[in-house]
């Protein structure tokens, strides 16, 4: 079967969107690795912790290579799933939905992380209250801006047009 024939436009758009996201995810992992190799973060001394989120930055710094490996592996799985989604494989729809849910959880988690740390750290460096409030509002707005596409994608992936396209077809 020709993969383009009988495939709704929404399936094509979602598939190519995920191919782009996979490429950007892999690129982000590679840039993170190259950045760490060129300019590694200094390790903090024993008993010294970053003021940001109870040592999250310390964890990321310590395990950057493993994290990059996971990011690149995730990008590869996303790319394979998107390619199979374009070929109307039902399992790929599920895989892309799971990936989108993971993205949604990541966006929410990072948004909370950002706002919490912004509010916690900016007063420590003597920033005015207005700066702290504006940064927290901006972090919240950016979080919502990234949440909306995730919610729309989940809605589309669960929608009738996509589900119908993934049903097995009789040949002949």
C-alpha atoms as a PDB file:
ATOM      1  CA  UNK A   1       0.000   0.000   0.000  1.00  0.00           C
ATOM      2  CA  UNK A   2       1.271   3.467  -0.817  1.00  0.00           C
ATOM      3  CA  UNK A   3       1.688   5.151   2.563  1.00  0.00           C
ATOM      4  CA  UNK A   4       0.394   8.489   1.264  1.00  0.00           C
ATOM      5  CA  UNK A   5      -2.824   7.126  -0.264  1.00  0.00           C
ATOM      6  CA  UNK A   6      -5.798   7.142   2.079  1.00  0.00           C
ATOM      7  CA  UNK A   7      -3.815   8.771   4.862  1.00  0.00           C
ATOM      8  CA  UNK A   8      -5.604  11.747   6.402  1.00  0.00           C
ATOM      9  CA  UNK A   9      -3.753  15.048   6.435  1.00  0.00           C
ATOM     10  CA  UNK A  10      -3.841  15.104  10.239  1.00  0.00           C
ATOM     11  CA  UNK A  11      -1.821  11.852  10.310  1.00  0.00           C
ATOM     12  CA  UNK A  12       0.739  13.277   7.894  1.00  0.00           C
ATOM     13  CA  UNK A  13       1.021  16.511   9.875  1.00  0.00           C
ATOM     14  CA  UNK A  14       1.423  14.696  13.204  1.00  0.00           C
ATOM     15  CA  UNK A  15       3.941  12.245  11.762  1.00  0.00           C
ATOM     16  CA  UNK A  16       6.151  14.965  10.314  1.00  0.00           C
ATOM     17  CA  UNK A  17       5.815  17.057  13.470  1.00  0.00           C
ATOM     18  CA  UNK A  18       7.162  14.137  15.503  1.00  0.00           C
ATOM     19  CA  UNK A  19       9.997  13.607  13.008  1.00  0.00           C
ATOM     20  CA  UNK A  20      10.971  17.254  13.555  1.00  0.00           C
ATOM     21  CA  UNK A  21      10.676  16.873  17.344  1.00  0.00           C
ATOM     22  CA  UNK A  22      12.841  13.722  17.219  1.00  0.00           C
ATOM     23  CA  UNK A  23      15.498  15.572  15.208  1.00  0.00           C
ATOM     24  CA  UNK A  24      15.460  18.548  17.600  1.00  0.00           C
ATOM     25  CA  UNK A  25      15.587  16.217  20.616  1.00  0.00           C
ATOM     26  CA  UNK A  26      18.629  14.404  19.213  1.00  0.00           C
ATOM     27  CA  UNK A  27      20.261  17.728  18.335  1.00  0.00           C
ATOM     28  CA  UNK A  28      19.618  18.998  21.869  1.00  0.00           C
ATOM     29  CA  UNK A  29      21.251  15.895  23.331  1.00  0.00           C
ATOM     30  CA  UNK A  30      24.264  16.221  21.050  1.00  0.00           C
ATOM     31  CA  UNK A  31      24.664  19.931  21.806  1.00  0.00           C
ATOM     32  CA  UNK A  32      24.438  19.150  25.534  1.00  0.00           C
ATOM     33  CA  UNK A  33      27.154  16.521  25.221  1.00  0.00           C
ATOM     34  CA  UNK A  34      29.432  18.744  23.130  1.00  0.00           C
ATOM     35  CA  UNK A  35      28.898  21.618  25.567  1.00  0.00           C
ATOM     36  CA  UNK A  36      29.840  19.390  28.473  1.00  0.00           C
ATOM     37  CA  UNK A  37      32.951  18.151  26.663  1.00  0.00           C
ATOM     38  CA  UNK A  38      34.069  21.677  25.721  1.00  0.00           C
ATOM     39  CA  UNK A  39      33.140  23.375  28.971  1.00  0.00           C
ATOM     40  CA  UNK A  40      32.298  20.897  31.745  1.00  0.00           C
ATOM     41  CA  UNK A  41      30.460  22.138  34.797  1.00  0.00           C
ATOM     42  CA  UNK A  42      32.788  22.285  37.780  1.00  0.00           C
ATOM     43  CA  UNK A  43      32.022  19.737  40.453  1.00  0.00           C
ATOM     44  CA  UNK A  44      31.055  21.202  43.769  1.00  0.00           C
ATOM     45  CA  UNK A  45      33.132  20.274  46.765  1.00  0.00           C
ATOM     46  CA  UNK A  46      32.054  17.639  49.295  1.00  0.00           C
ATOM     47  CA  UNK A  47      28.968  18.711  51.182  1.00  0.00           C
ATOM     48  CA  UNK A  48      28.420  21.729  48.901  1.00  0.00           C
ATOM     49  CA  UNK A  49      25.128  21.742  47.024  1.00  0.00           C
ATOM     50  CA  UNK A  50      23.662  23.986  44.397  1.00  0.00           C
ATOM     51  CA  UNK A  51      20.970  26.310  45.762  1.00  0.00           C
ATOM     52  CA  UNK A  52      18.696  25.192  42.921  1.00  0.00           C
ATOM     53  CA  UNK A  53      16.011  22.604  43.757  1.00  0.00           C
ATOM     54  CA  UNK A  54      17.783  20.515  46.325  1.00  0.00           C
ATOM     55  CA  UNK A  55      20.619  19.303  44.142  1.00  0.00           C
ATOM     56  CA  UNK A  56      18.861  18.760  40.788  1.00  0.00           C
ATOM     57  CA  UNK A  57      21.641  20.653  39.021  1.00  0.00           C
ATOM     58  CA  UNK A  58      24.223  18.543  40.855  1.00  0.00           C
ATOM     59  CA  UNK A  59      22.492  15.366  39.654  1.00  0.00           C
ATOM     60  CA  UNK A  60      22.288  16.613  36.065  1.00  0.00           C
ATOM     61  CA  UNK A  61      25.959  17.582  36.108  1.00  0.00           C
ATOM     62  CA  UNK A  62      27.056  14.258  37.562  1.00  0.00           C
ATOM     63  CA  UNK A  63      25.078  12.120  35.109  1.00  0.00           C
ATOM     64  CA  UNK A  64      25.117  14.296  31.991  1.00  0.00           C
ATOM     65  CA  UNK A  65      26.541  11.550  29.727  1.00  0.00           C
ATOM     66  CA  UNK A  66      23.946   8.988  30.796  1.00  0.00           C
ATOM     67  CA  UNK A  67      21.176  11.568  30.422  1.00  0.00           C
ATOM     68  CA  UNK A  68      22.377  12.421  26.905  1.00  0.00           C
ATOM     69  CA  UNK A  69      22.343   8.697  26.054  1.00  0.00           C
ATOM     70  CA  UNK A  70      18.744   8.417  27.236  1.00  0.00           C
ATOM     71  CA  UNK A  71      17.765  11.567  25.298  1.00  0.00           C
ATOM     72  CA  UNK A  72      19.306  10.292  22.059  1.00  0.00           C
ATOM     73  CA  UNK A  73      17.744   6.832  22.521  1.00  0.00           C
ATOM     74  CA  UNK A  74      14.367   8.498  23.131  1.00  0.00           C
ATOM     75  CA  UNK A  75      14.828  10.595  19.975  1.00  0.00           C
ATOM     76  CA  UNK A  76      15.603   7.449  17.965  1.00  0.00           C
ATOM     77  CA  UNK A  77      12.479   5.685  19.294  1.00  0.00           C
ATOM     78  CA  UNK A  78      10.437   8.781  18.535  1.00  0.00           C
ATOM     79  CA  UNK A  79      11.778   8.888  14.983  1.00  0.00           C
ATOM     80  CA  UNK A  80      11.013   5.193  14.403  1.00  0.00           C
ATOM     81  CA  UNK A  81       7.529   5.607  15.879  1.00  0.00           C
ATOM     82  CA  UNK A  82       6.802   8.666  13.737  1.00  0.00           C
ATOM     83  CA  UNK A  83       7.959   6.884  10.589  1.00  0.00           C
ATOM     84  CA  UNK A  84       5.751   3.890  11.411  1.00  0.00           C
ATOM     85  CA  UNK A  85       2.869   6.228  12.266  1.00  0.00           C
ATOM     86  CA  UNK A  86       3.113   7.620   8.733  1.00  0.00           C
ATOM     87  CA  UNK A  87       2.805   4.003   7.537  1.00  0.00           C
ATOM     88  CA  UNK A  88      -0.412   3.771   9.591  1.00  0.00           C
ATOM     89  CA  UNK A  89       0.861   1.263  12.156  1.00  0.00           C
ATOM     90  CA  UNK A  90      -1.547   1.266  15.100  1.00  0.00           C
ATOM     91  CA  UNK A  91       1.203   0.653  17.687  1.00  0.00           C
ATOM     92  CA  UNK A  92       2.929   3.851  16.555  1.00  0.00           C
ATOM     93  CA  UNK A  93      -0.130   5.928  17.461  1.00  0.00           C
ATOM     94  CA  UNK A  94       0.098   4.521  20.993  1.00  0.00           C
ATOM     95  CA  UNK A  95       3.838   5.178  21.132  1.00  0.00           C
ATOM     96  CA  UNK A  96       3.405   8.791  20.039  1.00  0.00           C
ATOM     97  CA  UNK A  97       0.617   9.291  22.555  1.00  0.00           C
ATOM     98  CA  UNK A  98       2.827   7.928  25.351  1.00  0.00           C
ATOM     99  CA  UNK A  99       5.650  10.226  24.191  1.00  0.00           C
ATOM    100  CA  UNK A 100       3.259  13.177  24.228  1.00  0.00           C
ATOM    101  CA  UNK A 101       2.094  12.333  27.749  1.00  0.00           C
ATOM    102  CA  UNK A 102       5.748  12.156  28.812  1.00  0.00           C
ATOM    103  CA  UNK A 103       6.266  15.558  27.200  1.00  0.00           C
ATOM    104  CA  UNK A 104       3.259  16.918  29.065  1.00  0.00           C
ATOM    105  CA  UNK A 105       4.609  15.638  32.385  1.00  0.00           C
ATOM    106  CA  UNK A 106       8.036  17.098  31.542  1.00  0.00           C
ATOM    107  CA  UNK A 107       6.569  20.516  30.707  1.00  0.00           C
ATOM    108  CA  UNK A 108       4.567  20.608  33.935  1.00  0.00           C
ATOM    109  CA  UNK A 109       7.540  19.408  35.987  1.00  0.00           C
ATOM    110  CA  UNK A 110       9.952  21.875  34.416  1.00  0.00           C
ATOM    111  CA  UNK A 111       7.422  24.690  34.831  1.00  0.00           C
ATOM    112  CA  UNK A 112       7.086  23.932  38.537  1.00  0.00           C
ATOM    113  CA  UNK A 113      10.880  23.597  38.827  1.00  0.00           C
ATOM    114  CA  UNK A 114      11.403  26.953  37.112  1.00  0.00           C
ATOM    115  CA  UNK A 115       8.835  28.915  39.103  1.00  0.00           C
ATOM    116  CA  UNK A 116       9.839  27.345  42.423  1.00  0.00           C
ATOM    117  CA  UNK A 117      13.522  28.084  41.893  1.00  0.00           C
ATOM    118  CA  UNK A 118      12.913  31.542  40.481  1.00  0.00           C
ATOM    119  CA  UNK A 119      10.923  32.497  43.562  1.00  0.00           C
ATOM    120  CA  UNK A 120      13.484  30.846  45.849  1.00  0.00           C
ATOM    121  CA  UNK A 121      16.721  32.170  44.303  1.00  0.00           C
ATOM    122  CA  UNK A 122      15.942  35.704  43.084  1.00  0.00           C
ATOM    123  CA  UNK A 123      15.362  37.162  46.575  1.00  0.00           C
ATOM    124  CA  UNK A 124      18.679  35.631  47.698  1.00  0.00           C
ATOM    125  CA  UNK A 125      20.569  37.664  45.096  1.00  0.00           C
ATOM    126  CA  UNK A 126      18.799  40.875  46.073  1.00  0.00           C
ATOM    127  CA  UNK A 127      16.375  41.069  43.159  1.00  0.00           C
ATOM    128  CA  UNK A 128      13.380  43.340  43.663  1.00  0.00           C
ATOM    129  CA  UNK A 129      10.038  41.689  44.418  1.00  0.00           C
ATOM    130  CA  UNK A 130       8.660  42.895  41.076  1.00  0.00           C
ATOM    131  CA  UNK A 131      11.420  40.997  39.250  1.00  0.00           C
ATOM    132  CA  UNK A 132      10.633  37.852  41.225  1.00  0.00           C
ATOM    133  CA  UNK A 133       6.911  38.126  40.493  1.00  0.00           C
ATOM    134  CA  UNK A 134       7.420  38.889  36.778  1.00  0.00           C
ATOM    135  CA  UNK A 135       9.785  35.919  36.402  1.00  0.00           C
ATOM    136  CA  UNK A 136       7.288  33.601  38.098  1.00  0.00           C
ATOM    137  CA  UNK A 137       4.446  34.860  35.886  1.00  0.00           C
ATOM    138  CA  UNK A 138       6.586  34.496  32.765  1.00  0.00           C
ATOM    139  CA  UNK A 139       7.585  30.961  33.767  1.00  0.00           C
ATOM    140  CA  UNK A 140       3.909  30.107  34.244  1.00  0.00           C
ATOM    141  CA  UNK A 141       2.905  31.611  30.883  1.00  0.00           C
ATOM    142  CA  UNK A 142       5.706  29.791  29.026  1.00  0.00           C
ATOM    143  CA  UNK A 143       4.651  26.542  30.703  1.00  0.00           C
ATOM    144  CA  UNK A 144       1.085  27.005  29.471  1.00  0.00           C
ATOM    145  CA  UNK A 145       2.342  27.868  25.965  1.00  0.00           C
ATOM    146  CA  UNK A 146       4.167  24.515  25.848  1.00  0.00           C
ATOM    147  CA  UNK A 147       1.266  22.645  27.463  1.00  0.00           C
ATOM    148  CA  UNK A 148      -1.263  23.625  24.818  1.00  0.00           C
ATOM    149  CA  UNK A 149       0.413  21.785  21.887  1.00  0.00           C
ATOM    150  CA  UNK A 150       0.792  18.654  24.039  1.00  0.00           C
ATOM    151  CA  UNK A 151      -2.892  18.684  24.941  1.00  0.00           C
ATOM    152  CA  UNK A 152      -3.902  19.315  21.306  1.00  0.00           C
ATOM    153  CA  UNK A 153      -1.675  16.449  20.119  1.00  0.00           C
ATOM    154  CA  UNK A 154      -3.148  14.040  22.657  1.00  0.00           C
ATOM    155  CA  UNK A 155      -6.637  15.104  21.576  1.00  0.00           C
ATOM    156  CA  UNK A 156      -5.755  14.586  17.894  1.00  0.00           C
ATOM    157  CA  UNK A 157      -4.016  11.247  18.494  1.00  0.00           C
ATOM    158  CA  UNK A 158      -7.116  10.006  20.315  1.00  0.00           C
ATOM    159  CA  UNK A 159      -9.458  11.504  17.728  1.00  0.00           C
ATOM    160  CA  UNK A 160     -11.643   9.601  15.305  1.00  0.00           C
ATOM    161  CA  UNK A 161      -9.691  10.558  12.155  1.00  0.00           C
ATOM    162  CA  UNK A 162      -6.409   9.172  13.490  1.00  0.00           C
ATOM    163  CA  UNK A 163      -7.984   6.075  15.041  1.00  0.00           C
ATOM    164  CA  UNK A 164      -9.887   5.327  11.831  1.00  0.00           C
ATOM    165  CA  UNK A 165      -6.710   5.683   9.752  1.00  0.00           C
ATOM    166  CA  UNK A 166      -4.965   3.125  11.948  1.00  0.00           C
ATOM    167  CA  UNK A 167      -7.583   0.391  11.443  1.00  0.00           C
ATOM    168  CA  UNK A 168      -6.429  -2.632   9.428  1.00  0.00           C
ATOM    169  CA  UNK A 169      -7.353  -2.482   5.741  1.00  0.00           C
ATOM    170  CA  UNK A 170      -8.401  -5.302   3.441  1.00  0.00           C
ATOM    171  CA  UNK A 171      -6.061  -5.799   0.511  1.00  0.00           C
ATOM    172  CA  UNK A 172      -7.592  -6.536  -2.871  1.00  0.00           C
END
